[in-house]
Amino acid sequence: MTRRVGRFALRVLTPLASILGLWYLTILLWGLPAFVIPRPERVRQTLVAERAFITVHLIATLKAAALGFVLANVVGIGLAVLFLAVPSGGRSSCPSSSPCATSPTRLS
């Protein structure tokens, strides 16, 4: 059990320590001002202090991303079904649509 917890902690802490180390190293080596790349503790303070504001906008962004994902899938699957149902329609519209050039064709 402790070995499993140790492996889990290592898998979580190693990337976190690497990211924080590279973050501080970037600030140290290039001497970038705080408005370009703030220190990690400043980012944490802002996330805690502005959590209500960030949460509202995070939810709005996730809703927009989910809607775009669903719409893209509906349109893509709908076009795929249409191209399979009407092979001549698919062949005639593909020259005007570059994504069709890389999509697999149905062998009959």
PDB file of N, CA and C in Angstrom:
ATOM      1  N   MET A   1       0.824  -1.207   0.000  1.00  0.00           N
ATOM      2  CA  MET A   1       0.000   0.000   0.000  1.00  0.00           C
ATOM      3  C   MET A   1       0.864   1.265   0.000  1.00  0.00           C
ATOM      4  N   THR A   2       1.895   1.289   0.850  1.00  0.00           N
ATOM      5  CA  THR A   2       2.744   2.479   0.900  1.00  0.00           C
ATOM      6  C   THR A   2       3.548   2.630  -0.387  1.00  0.00           C
ATOM      7  N   ARG A   3       3.886   1.509  -1.002  1.00  0.00           N
ATOM      8  CA  ARG A   3       4.612   1.565  -2.263  1.00  0.00           C
ATOM      9  C   ARG A   3       3.735   2.188  -3.347  1.00  0.00           C
ATOM     10  N   ARG A   4       2.452   1.843  -3.351  1.00  0.00           N
ATOM     11  CA  ARG A   4       1.505   2.396  -4.328  1.00  0.00           C
ATOM     12  C   ARG A   4       1.322   3.895  -4.110  1.00  0.00           C
ATOM     13  N   VAL A   5       1.210   4.307  -2.859  1.00  0.00           N
ATOM     14  CA  VAL A   5       1.072   5.739  -2.545  1.00  0.00           C
ATOM     15  C   VAL A   5       2.341   6.478  -2.933  1.00  0.00           C
ATOM     16  N   GLY A   6       3.489   5.859  -2.693  1.00  0.00           N
ATOM     17  CA  GLY A   6       4.762   6.480  -3.057  1.00  0.00           C
ATOM     18  C   GLY A   6       4.896   6.671  -4.557  1.00  0.00           C
ATOM     19  N   ARG A   7       4.474   5.672  -5.332  1.00  0.00           N
ATOM     20  CA  ARG A   7       4.525   5.801  -6.794  1.00  0.00           C
ATOM     21  C   ARG A   7       3.569   6.880  -7.282  1.00  0.00           C
ATOM     22  N   PHE A   8       2.384   6.917  -6.679  1.00  0.00           N
ATOM     23  CA  PHE A   8       1.412   7.945  -7.068  1.00  0.00           C
ATOM     24  C   PHE A   8       1.961   9.332  -6.751  1.00  0.00           C
ATOM     25  N   ALA A   9       2.524   9.497  -5.563  1.00  0.00           N
ATOM     26  CA  ALA A   9       3.089  10.793  -5.177  1.00  0.00           C
ATOM     27  C   ALA A   9       4.229  11.176  -6.112  1.00  0.00           C
ATOM     28  N   LEU A  10       5.037  10.212  -6.487  1.00  0.00           N
ATOM     29  CA  LEU A  10       6.150  10.488  -7.398  1.00  0.00           C
ATOM     30  C   LEU A  10       5.639  10.918  -8.773  1.00  0.00           C
ATOM     31  N   ARG A  11       4.582  10.261  -9.261  1.00  0.00           N
ATOM     32  CA  ARG A  11       4.023  10.621 -10.565  1.00  0.00           C
ATOM     33  C   ARG A  11       3.364  11.991 -10.544  1.00  0.00           C
ATOM     34  N   VAL A  12       2.880  12.418  -9.390  1.00  0.00           N
ATOM     35  CA  VAL A  12       2.235  13.732  -9.292  1.00  0.00           C
ATOM     36  C   VAL A  12       3.260  14.818  -8.986  1.00  0.00           C
ATOM     37  N   LEU A  13       4.148  14.542  -8.054  1.00  0.00           N
ATOM     38  CA  LEU A  13       5.085  15.561  -7.601  1.00  0.00           C
ATOM     39  C   LEU A  13       6.216  15.840  -8.593  1.00  0.00           C
ATOM     40  N   THR A  14       6.650  14.843  -9.328  1.00  0.00           N
ATOM     41  CA  THR A  14       7.750  15.053 -10.274  1.00  0.00           C
ATOM     42  C   THR A  14       7.377  16.064 -11.361  1.00  0.00           C
ATOM     43  N   PRO A  15       6.249  15.908 -12.060  1.00  0.00           N
ATOM     44  CA  PRO A  15       5.898  16.930 -13.056  1.00  0.00           C
ATOM     45  C   PRO A  15       5.646  18.303 -12.433  1.00  0.00           C
ATOM     46  N   LEU A  16       5.023  18.323 -11.264  1.00  0.00           N
ATOM     47  CA  LEU A  16       4.751  19.597 -10.598  1.00  0.00           C
ATOM     48  C   LEU A  16       6.053  20.307 -10.240  1.00  0.00           C
ATOM     49  N   ALA A  17       6.992  19.568  -9.679  1.00  0.00           N
ATOM     50  CA  ALA A  17       8.289  20.159  -9.324  1.00  0.00           C
ATOM     51  C   ALA A  17       9.041  20.599 -10.587  1.00  0.00           C
ATOM     52  N   SER A  18       8.932  19.827 -11.653  1.00  0.00           N
ATOM     53  CA  SER A  18       9.607  20.196 -12.903  1.00  0.00           C
ATOM     54  C   SER A  18       9.040  21.492 -13.472  1.00  0.00           C
ATOM     55  N   ILE A  19       7.720  21.597 -13.485  1.00  0.00           N
ATOM     56  CA  ILE A  19       7.081  22.809 -14.015  1.00  0.00           C
ATOM     57  C   ILE A  19       7.459  24.021 -13.186  1.00  0.00           C
ATOM     58  N   LEU A  20       7.375  23.887 -11.857  1.00  0.00           N
ATOM     59  CA  LEU A  20       7.729  25.017 -10.989  1.00  0.00           C
ATOM     60  C   LEU A  20       9.213  25.368 -11.132  1.00  0.00           C
ATOM     61  N   GLY A  21      10.069  24.350 -11.227  1.00  0.00           N
ATOM     62  CA  GLY A  21      11.499  24.602 -11.392  1.00  0.00           C
ATOM     63  C   GLY A  21      11.800  25.340 -12.692  1.00  0.00           C
ATOM     64  N   LEU A  22      11.195  24.893 -13.784  1.00  0.00           N
ATOM     65  CA  LEU A  22      11.394  25.574 -15.062  1.00  0.00           C
ATOM     66  C   LEU A  22      10.833  26.990 -15.040  1.00  0.00           C
ATOM     67  N   TRP A  23       9.729  27.167 -14.355  1.00  0.00           N
ATOM     68  CA  TRP A  23       9.103  28.492 -14.233  1.00  0.00           C
ATOM     69  C   TRP A  23      10.073  29.456 -13.542  1.00  0.00           C
ATOM     70  N   TYR A  24      10.595  29.033 -12.378  1.00  0.00           N
ATOM     71  CA  TYR A  24      11.539  29.887 -11.648  1.00  0.00           C
ATOM     72  C   TYR A  24      12.837  30.085 -12.431  1.00  0.00           C
ATOM     73  N   LEU A  25      13.297  29.038 -13.099  1.00  0.00           N
ATOM     74  CA  LEU A  25      14.522  29.138 -13.880  1.00  0.00           C
ATOM     75  C   LEU A  25      14.363  30.136 -15.024  1.00  0.00           C
ATOM     76  N   THR A  26      13.194  30.126 -15.666  1.00  0.00           N
ATOM     77  CA  THR A  26      12.921  31.080 -16.744  1.00  0.00           C
ATOM     78  C   THR A  26      12.963  32.510 -16.222  1.00  0.00           C
ATOM     79  N   ILE A  27      12.336  32.728 -15.078  1.00  0.00           N
ATOM     80  CA  ILE A  27      12.328  34.075 -14.488  1.00  0.00           C
ATOM     81  C   ILE A  27      13.750  34.495 -14.125  1.00  0.00           C
ATOM     82  N   LEU A  28      14.511  33.581 -13.554  1.00  0.00           N
ATOM     83  CA  LEU A  28      15.874  33.891 -13.110  1.00  0.00           C
ATOM     84  C   LEU A  28      16.816  34.145 -14.287  1.00  0.00           C
ATOM     85  N   LEU A  29      16.794  33.282 -15.283  1.00  0.00           N
ATOM     86  CA  LEU A  29      17.748  33.392 -16.389  1.00  0.00           C
ATOM     87  C   LEU A  29      17.462  34.571 -17.311  1.00  0.00           C
ATOM     88  N   TRP A  30      16.213  34.816 -17.616  1.00  0.00           N
ATOM     89  CA  TRP A  30      15.887  35.879 -18.548  1.00  0.00           C
ATOM     90  C   TRP A  30      15.531  37.191 -17.860  1.00  0.00           C
ATOM     91  N   GLY A  31      15.356  37.176 -16.561  1.00  0.00           N
ATOM     92  CA  GLY A  31      15.065  38.400 -15.827  1.00  0.00           C
ATOM     93  C   GLY A  31      13.798  39.100 -16.309  1.00  0.00           C
ATOM     94  N   LEU A  32      12.808  38.318 -16.634  1.00  0.00           N
ATOM     95  CA  LEU A  32      11.568  38.897 -17.147  1.00  0.00           C
ATOM     96  C   LEU A  32      10.796  39.595 -16.038  1.00  0.00           C
ATOM     97  N   PRO A  33      10.182  40.740 -16.339  1.00  0.00           N
ATOM     98  CA  PRO A  33       9.415  41.446 -15.318  1.00  0.00           C
ATOM     99  C   PRO A  33       8.135  40.686 -14.956  1.00  0.00           C
ATOM    100  N   ALA A  34       7.564  41.039 -13.812  1.00  0.00           N
ATOM    101  CA  ALA A  34       6.401  40.330 -13.276  1.00  0.00           C
ATOM    102  C   ALA A  34       5.182  40.422 -14.187  1.00  0.00           C
ATOM    103  N   PHE A  35       5.052  41.489 -14.980  1.00  0.00           N
ATOM    104  CA  PHE A  35       3.877  41.585 -15.839  1.00  0.00           C
ATOM    105  C   PHE A  35       3.989  40.668 -17.052  1.00  0.00           C
ATOM    106  N   VAL A  36       5.199  40.189 -17.348  1.00  0.00           N
ATOM    107  CA  VAL A  36       5.387  39.246 -18.452  1.00  0.00           C
ATOM    108  C   VAL A  36       5.182  37.821 -17.943  1.00  0.00           C
ATOM    109  N   ILE A  37       5.854  37.470 -16.856  1.00  0.00           N
ATOM    110  CA  ILE A  37       5.712  36.137 -16.265  1.00  0.00           C
ATOM    111  C   ILE A  37       5.755  36.274 -14.745  1.00  0.00           C
ATOM    112  N   PRO A  38       4.601  36.268 -14.123  1.00  0.00           N
ATOM    113  CA  PRO A  38       4.567  36.421 -12.657  1.00  0.00           C
ATOM    114  C   PRO A  38       5.095  35.172 -11.956  1.00  0.00           C
ATOM    115  N   ARG A  39       5.516  35.360 -10.728  1.00  0.00           N
ATOM    116  CA  ARG A  39       5.995  34.230  -9.939  1.00  0.00           C
ATOM    117  C   ARG A  39       4.818  33.303  -9.608  1.00  0.00           C
ATOM    118  N   PRO A  40       5.089  32.017  -9.416  1.00  0.00           N
ATOM    119  CA  PRO A  40       4.017  31.069  -9.115  1.00  0.00           C
ATOM    120  C   PRO A  40       3.197  31.427  -7.875  1.00  0.00           C
ATOM    121  N   GLU A  41       3.840  31.956  -6.850  1.00  0.00           N
ATOM    122  CA  GLU A  41       3.079  32.309  -5.641  1.00  0.00           C
ATOM    123  C   GLU A  41       2.111  33.462  -5.900  1.00  0.00           C
ATOM    124  N   ARG A  42       2.467  34.359  -6.800  1.00  0.00           N
ATOM    125  CA  ARG A  42       1.571  35.460  -7.174  1.00  0.00           C
ATOM    126  C   ARG A  42       0.357  34.923  -7.949  1.00  0.00           C
ATOM    127  N   VAL A  43       0.608  33.941  -8.807  1.00  0.00           N
ATOM    128  CA  VAL A  43      -0.490  33.322  -9.551  1.00  0.00           C
ATOM    129  C   VAL A  43      -1.440  32.617  -8.586  1.00  0.00           C
ATOM    130  N   ARG A  44      -0.875  31.895  -7.609  1.00  0.00           N
ATOM    131  CA  ARG A  44      -1.698  31.206  -6.611  1.00  0.00           C
ATOM    132  C   ARG A  44      -2.520  32.203  -5.800  1.00  0.00           C
ATOM    133  N   GLN A  45      -1.899  33.302  -5.382  1.00  0.00           N
ATOM    134  CA  GLN A  45      -2.622  34.325  -4.624  1.00  0.00           C
ATOM    135  C   GLN A  45      -3.778  34.894  -5.439  1.00  0.00           C
ATOM    136  N   THR A  46      -3.554  35.161  -6.694  1.00  0.00           N
ATOM    137  CA  THR A  46      -4.598  35.711  -7.557  1.00  0.00           C
ATOM    138  C   THR A  46      -5.715  34.699  -7.766  1.00  0.00           C
ATOM    139  N   LEU A  47      -5.354  33.429  -7.968  1.00  0.00           N
ATOM    140  CA  LEU A  47      -6.380  32.399  -8.133  1.00  0.00           C
ATOM    141  C   LEU A  47      -7.261  32.282  -6.897  1.00  0.00           C
ATOM    142  N   VAL A  48      -6.676  32.405  -5.725  1.00  0.00           N
ATOM    143  CA  VAL A  48      -7.452  32.317  -4.488  1.00  0.00           C
ATOM    144  C   VAL A  48      -8.282  33.584  -4.293  1.00  0.00           C
ATOM    145  N   ALA A  49      -7.681  34.747  -4.501  1.00  0.00           N
ATOM    146  CA  ALA A  49      -8.377  36.010  -4.265  1.00  0.00           C
ATOM    147  C   ALA A  49      -9.501  36.253  -5.264  1.00  0.00           C
ATOM    148  N   GLU A  50      -9.322  35.835  -6.496  1.00  0.00           N
ATOM    149  CA  GLU A  50     -10.299  36.096  -7.563  1.00  0.00           C
ATOM    150  C   GLU A  50     -11.060  34.841  -7.981  1.00  0.00           C
ATOM    151  N   ARG A  51     -11.210  33.887  -7.066  1.00  0.00           N
ATOM    152  CA  ARG A  51     -11.801  32.606  -7.453  1.00  0.00           C
ATOM    153  C   ARG A  51     -13.235  32.721  -7.949  1.00  0.00           C
ATOM    154  N   ALA A  52     -14.029  33.634  -7.413  1.00  0.00           N
ATOM    155  CA  ALA A  52     -15.412  33.790  -7.876  1.00  0.00           C
ATOM    156  C   ALA A  52     -15.433  34.293  -9.325  1.00  0.00           C
ATOM    157  N   PHE A  53     -14.625  35.301  -9.607  1.00  0.00           N
ATOM    158  CA  PHE A  53     -14.528  35.856 -10.961  1.00  0.00           C
ATOM    159  C   PHE A  53     -14.031  34.800 -11.945  1.00  0.00           C
ATOM    160  N   ILE A  54     -12.995  34.079 -11.548  1.00  0.00           N
ATOM    161  CA  ILE A  54     -12.409  33.066 -12.415  1.00  0.00           C
ATOM    162  C   ILE A  54     -13.387  31.922 -12.647  1.00  0.00           C
ATOM    163  N   THR A  55     -14.112  31.522 -11.618  1.00  0.00           N
ATOM    164  CA  THR A  55     -15.071  30.423 -11.746  1.00  0.00           C
ATOM    165  C   THR A  55     -16.182  30.761 -12.721  1.00  0.00           C
ATOM    166  N   VAL A  56     -16.722  31.973 -12.643  1.00  0.00           N
ATOM    167  CA  VAL A  56     -17.790  32.389 -13.558  1.00  0.00           C
ATOM    168  C   VAL A  56     -17.307  32.326 -14.993  1.00  0.00           C
ATOM    169  N   HIS A  57     -16.130  32.838 -15.252  1.00  0.00           N
ATOM    170  CA  HIS A  57     -15.616  32.867 -16.620  1.00  0.00           C
ATOM    171  C   HIS A  57     -15.135  31.488 -17.089  1.00  0.00           C
ATOM    172  N   LEU A  58     -14.660  30.676 -16.162  1.00  0.00           N
ATOM    173  CA  LEU A  58     -14.284  29.308 -16.508  1.00  0.00           C
ATOM    174  C   LEU A  58     -15.512  28.520 -16.965  1.00  0.00           C
ATOM    175  N   ILE A  59     -16.613  28.671 -16.250  1.00  0.00           N
ATOM    176  CA  ILE A  59     -17.847  27.973 -16.618  1.00  0.00           C
ATOM    177  C   ILE A  59     -18.335  28.441 -17.990  1.00  0.00           C
ATOM    178  N   ALA A  60     -18.293  29.740 -18.239  1.00  0.00           N
ATOM    179  CA  ALA A  60     -18.716  30.262 -19.541  1.00  0.00           C
ATOM    180  C   ALA A  60     -17.821  29.721 -20.663  1.00  0.00           C
ATOM    181  N   THR A  61     -16.524  29.651 -20.426  1.00  0.00           N
ATOM    182  CA  THR A  61     -15.595  29.134 -21.426  1.00  0.00           C
ATOM    183  C   THR A  61     -15.834  27.654 -21.677  1.00  0.00           C
ATOM    184  N   LEU A  62     -16.044  26.884 -20.627  1.00  0.00           N
ATOM    185  CA  LEU A  62     -16.296  25.453 -20.782  1.00  0.00           C
ATOM    186  C   LEU A  62     -17.604  25.192 -21.520  1.00  0.00           C
ATOM    187  N   LYS A  63     -18.631  26.010 -21.269  1.00  0.00           N
ATOM    188  CA  LYS A  63     -19.905  25.868 -21.990  1.00  0.00           C
ATOM    189  C   LYS A  63     -19.702  26.137 -23.485  1.00  0.00           C
ATOM    190  N   ALA A  64     -18.966  27.200 -23.801  1.00  0.00           N
ATOM    191  CA  ALA A  64     -18.722  27.529 -25.208  1.00  0.00           C
ATOM    192  C   ALA A  64     -17.902  26.431 -25.887  1.00  0.00           C
ATOM    193  N   ALA A  65     -16.905  25.895 -25.202  1.00  0.00           N
ATOM    194  CA  ALA A  65     -16.080  24.830 -25.769  1.00  0.00           C
ATOM    195  C   ALA A  65     -16.906  23.561 -25.984  1.00  0.00           C
ATOM    196  N   ALA A  66     -17.757  23.228 -25.024  1.00  0.00           N
ATOM    197  CA  ALA A  66     -18.599  22.034 -25.157  1.00  0.00           C
ATOM    198  C   ALA A  66     -19.588  22.198 -26.309  1.00  0.00           C
ATOM    199  N   LEU A  67     -20.175  23.377 -26.430  1.00  0.00           N
ATOM    200  CA  LEU A  67     -21.107  23.629 -27.526  1.00  0.00           C
ATOM    201  C   LEU A  67     -20.400  23.513 -28.878  1.00  0.00           C
ATOM    202  N   GLY A  68     -19.211  24.084 -28.990  1.00  0.00           N
ATOM    203  CA  GLY A  68     -18.446  23.987 -30.223  1.00  0.00           C
ATOM    204  C   GLY A  68     -18.079  22.548 -30.548  1.00  0.00           C
ATOM    205  N   PHE A  69     -17.714  21.779 -29.529  1.00  0.00           N
ATOM    206  CA  PHE A  69     -17.377  20.374 -29.723  1.00  0.00           C
ATOM    207  C   PHE A  69     -18.583  19.594 -30.241  1.00  0.00           C
ATOM    208  N   VAL A  70     -19.734  19.806 -29.612  1.00  0.00           N
ATOM    209  CA  VAL A  70     -20.952  19.098 -30.021  1.00  0.00           C
ATOM    210  C   VAL A  70     -21.348  19.501 -31.442  1.00  0.00           C
ATOM    211  N   LEU A  71     -21.347  20.799 -31.731  1.00  0.00           N
ATOM    212  CA  LEU A  71     -21.727  21.249 -33.071  1.00  0.00           C
ATOM    213  C   LEU A  71     -20.771  20.712 -34.141  1.00  0.00           C
ATOM    214  N   ALA A  72     -19.487  20.719 -33.863  1.00  0.00           N
ATOM    215  CA  ALA A  72     -18.516  20.207 -34.832  1.00  0.00           C
ATOM    216  C   ALA A  72     -18.740  18.722 -35.093  1.00  0.00           C
ATOM    217  N   ASN A  73     -19.052  17.971 -34.052  1.00  0.00           N
ATOM    218  CA  ASN A  73     -19.319  16.552 -34.237  1.00  0.00           C
ATOM    219  C   ASN A  73     -20.612  16.313 -34.999  1.00  0.00           C
ATOM    220  N   VAL A  74     -21.647  17.084 -34.704  1.00  0.00           N
ATOM    221  CA  VAL A  74     -22.913  16.927 -35.418  1.00  0.00           C
ATOM    222  C   VAL A  74     -22.720  17.231 -36.899  1.00  0.00           C
ATOM    223  N   VAL A  75     -22.041  18.317 -37.203  1.00  0.00           N
ATOM    224  CA  VAL A  75     -21.817  18.683 -38.604  1.00  0.00           C
ATOM    225  C   VAL A  75     -20.911  17.647 -39.287  1.00  0.00           C
ATOM    226  N   GLY A  76     -19.841  17.250 -38.624  1.00  0.00           N
ATOM    227  CA  GLY A  76     -18.917  16.288 -39.218  1.00  0.00           C
ATOM    228  C   GLY A  76     -19.553  14.934 -39.460  1.00  0.00           C
ATOM    229  N   ILE A  77     -20.270  14.432 -38.470  1.00  0.00           N
ATOM    230  CA  ILE A  77     -20.932  13.134 -38.632  1.00  0.00           C
ATOM    231  C   ILE A  77     -22.047  13.239 -39.670  1.00  0.00           C
ATOM    232  N   GLY A  78     -22.785  14.346 -39.651  1.00  0.00           N
ATOM    233  CA  GLY A  78     -23.834  14.550 -40.646  1.00  0.00           C
ATOM    234  C   GLY A  78     -23.282  14.565 -42.064  1.00  0.00           C
ATOM    235  N   LEU A  79     -22.169  15.264 -42.273  1.00  0.00           N
ATOM    236  CA  LEU A  79     -21.555  15.282 -43.605  1.00  0.00           C
ATOM    237  C   LEU A  79     -21.028  13.903 -43.999  1.00  0.00           C
ATOM    238  N   ALA A  80     -20.457  13.174 -43.039  1.00  0.00           N
ATOM    239  CA  ALA A  80     -19.959  11.833 -43.340  1.00  0.00           C
ATOM    240  C   ALA A  80     -21.098  10.920 -43.769  1.00  0.00           C
ATOM    241  N   VAL A  81     -22.210  10.986 -43.057  1.00  0.00           N
ATOM    242  CA  VAL A  81     -23.370  10.172 -43.423  1.00  0.00           C
ATOM    243  C   VAL A  81     -23.890  10.597 -44.792  1.00  0.00           C
ATOM    244  N   LEU A  82     -23.954  11.873 -45.030  1.00  0.00           N
ATOM    245  CA  LEU A  82     -24.421  12.375 -46.327  1.00  0.00           C
ATOM    246  C   LEU A  82     -23.510  11.907 -47.463  1.00  0.00           C
ATOM    247  N   PHE A  83     -22.203  11.982 -47.266  1.00  0.00           N
ATOM    248  CA  PHE A  83     -21.269  11.560 -48.306  1.00  0.00           C
ATOM    249  C   PHE A  83     -21.359  10.059 -48.562  1.00  0.00           C
ATOM    250  N   LEU A  84     -21.633   9.290 -47.505  1.00  0.00           N
ATOM    251  CA  LEU A  84     -21.783   7.851 -47.695  1.00  0.00           C
ATOM    252  C   LEU A  84     -23.112   7.513 -48.366  1.00  0.00           C
ATOM    253  N   ALA A  85     -24.149   8.266 -48.034  1.00  0.00           N
ATOM    254  CA  ALA A  85     -25.475   7.988 -48.594  1.00  0.00           C
ATOM    255  C   ALA A  85     -25.555   8.402 -50.056  1.00  0.00           C
ATOM    256  N   VAL A  86     -24.892   9.491 -50.395  1.00  0.00           N
ATOM    257  CA  VAL A  86     -24.940  10.004 -51.771  1.00  0.00           C
ATOM    258  C   VAL A  86     -23.495  10.120 -52.271  1.00  0.00           C
ATOM    259  N   PRO A  87     -22.923   9.025 -52.784  1.00  0.00           N
ATOM    260  CA  PRO A  87     -21.517   9.055 -53.191  1.00  0.00           C
ATOM    261  C   PRO A  87     -21.204  10.114 -54.248  1.00  0.00           C
ATOM    262  N   SER A  88     -22.111  10.343 -55.190  1.00  0.00           N
ATOM    263  CA  SER A  88     -21.825  11.350 -56.215  1.00  0.00           C
ATOM    264  C   SER A  88     -21.789  12.748 -55.615  1.00  0.00           C
ATOM    265  N   GLY A  89     -22.591  12.991 -54.598  1.00  0.00           N
ATOM    266  CA  GLY A  89     -22.569  14.293 -53.919  1.00  0.00           C
ATOM    267  C   GLY A  89     -21.261  14.525 -53.203  1.00  0.00           C
ATOM    268  N   GLY A  90     -20.737  13.477 -52.600  1.00  0.00           N
ATOM    269  CA  GLY A  90     -19.454  13.593 -51.920  1.00  0.00           C
ATOM    270  C   GLY A  90     -18.316  13.862 -52.881  1.00  0.00           C
ATOM    271  N   ARG A  91     -18.334  13.170 -54.026  1.00  0.00           N
ATOM    272  CA  ARG A  91     -17.274  13.368 -55.022  1.00  0.00           C
ATOM    273  C   ARG A  91     -17.340  14.753 -55.651  1.00  0.00           C
ATOM    274  N   SER A  92     -18.547  15.249 -55.844  1.00  0.00           N
ATOM    275  CA  SER A  92     -18.663  16.558 -56.491  1.00  0.00           C
ATOM    276  C   SER A  92     -18.324  17.700 -55.549  1.00  0.00           C
ATOM    277  N   SER A  93     -18.498  17.511 -54.244  1.00  0.00           N
ATOM    278  CA  SER A  93     -18.202  18.606 -53.315  1.00  0.00           C
ATOM    279  C   SER A  93     -16.772  18.561 -52.793  1.00  0.00           C
ATOM    280  N   CYS A  94     -16.090  17.449 -52.924  1.00  0.00           N
ATOM    281  CA  CYS A  94     -14.733  17.340 -52.384  1.00  0.00           C
ATOM    282  C   CYS A  94     -13.712  18.275 -53.038  1.00  0.00           C
ATOM    283  N   PRO A  95     -13.760  18.533 -54.335  1.00  0.00           N
ATOM    284  CA  PRO A  95     -12.757  19.456 -54.877  1.00  0.00           C
ATOM    285  C   PRO A  95     -12.824  20.853 -54.263  1.00  0.00           C
ATOM    286  N   SER A  96     -13.973  21.259 -53.803  1.00  0.00           N
ATOM    287  CA  SER A  96     -14.089  22.596 -53.219  1.00  0.00           C
ATOM    288  C   SER A  96     -13.802  22.596 -51.725  1.00  0.00           C
ATOM    289  N   SER A  97     -13.604  21.441 -51.161  1.00  0.00           N
ATOM    290  CA  SER A  97     -13.384  21.337 -49.722  1.00  0.00           C
ATOM    291  C   SER A  97     -12.075  20.601 -49.469  1.00  0.00           C
ATOM    292  N   SER A  98     -11.079  21.305 -48.974  1.00  0.00           N
ATOM    293  CA  SER A  98      -9.774  20.677 -48.772  1.00  0.00           C
ATOM    294  C   SER A  98      -9.780  19.597 -47.703  1.00  0.00           C
ATOM    295  N   PRO A  99     -10.575  19.676 -46.633  1.00  0.00           N
ATOM    296  CA  PRO A  99     -10.552  18.565 -45.676  1.00  0.00           C
ATOM    297  C   PRO A  99     -10.997  17.245 -46.291  1.00  0.00           C
ATOM    298  N   CYS A 100     -11.816  17.268 -47.299  1.00  0.00           N
ATOM    299  CA  CYS A 100     -12.261  16.036 -47.943  1.00  0.00           C
ATOM    300  C   CYS A 100     -11.109  15.333 -48.657  1.00  0.00           C
ATOM    301  N   ALA A 101     -10.112  16.081 -49.053  1.00  0.00           N
ATOM    302  CA  ALA A 101      -8.992  15.497 -49.785  1.00  0.00           C
ATOM    303  C   ALA A 101      -8.213  14.527 -48.919  1.00  0.00           C
ATOM    304  N   THR A 102      -8.221  14.703 -47.609  1.00  0.00           N
ATOM    305  CA  THR A 102      -7.467  13.832 -46.725  1.00  0.00           C
ATOM    306  C   THR A 102      -8.338  12.800 -46.044  1.00  0.00           C
ATOM    307  N   SER A 103      -9.642  12.833 -46.265  1.00  0.00           N
ATOM    308  CA  SER A 103     -10.518  11.866 -45.616  1.00  0.00           C
ATOM    309  C   SER A 103     -10.552  10.579 -46.424  1.00  0.00           C
ATOM    310  N   PRO A 104     -10.705   9.440 -45.732  1.00  0.00           N
ATOM    311  CA  PRO A 104     -10.741   8.175 -46.456  1.00  0.00           C
ATOM    312  C   PRO A 104     -11.979   8.066 -47.342  1.00  0.00           C
ATOM    313  N   THR A 105     -11.834   7.359 -48.433  1.00  0.00           N
ATOM    314  CA  THR A 105     -12.969   7.174 -49.343  1.00  0.00           C
ATOM    315  C   THR A 105     -13.522   5.777 -49.178  1.00  0.00           C
ATOM    316  N   ARG A 106     -14.753   5.617 -49.558  1.00  0.00           N
ATOM    317  CA  ARG A 106     -15.436   4.326 -49.439  1.00  0.00           C
ATOM    318  C   ARG A 106     -15.150   3.511 -50.698  1.00  0.00           C
ATOM    319  N   LEU A 107     -14.682   2.304 -50.480  1.00  0.00           N
ATOM    320  CA  LEU A 107     -14.402   1.428 -51.610  1.00  0.00           C
ATOM    321  C   LEU A 107     -15.664   0.631 -51.924  1.00  0.00           C
ATOM    322  N   SER A 108     -16.090   0.637 -53.190  1.00  0.00           N
ATOM    323  CA  SER A 108     -17.292  -0.118 -53.569  1.00  0.00           C
ATOM    324  C   SER A 108     -16.944  -1.155 -54.600  1.00  0.00           C
TER     325      SER A 108
END
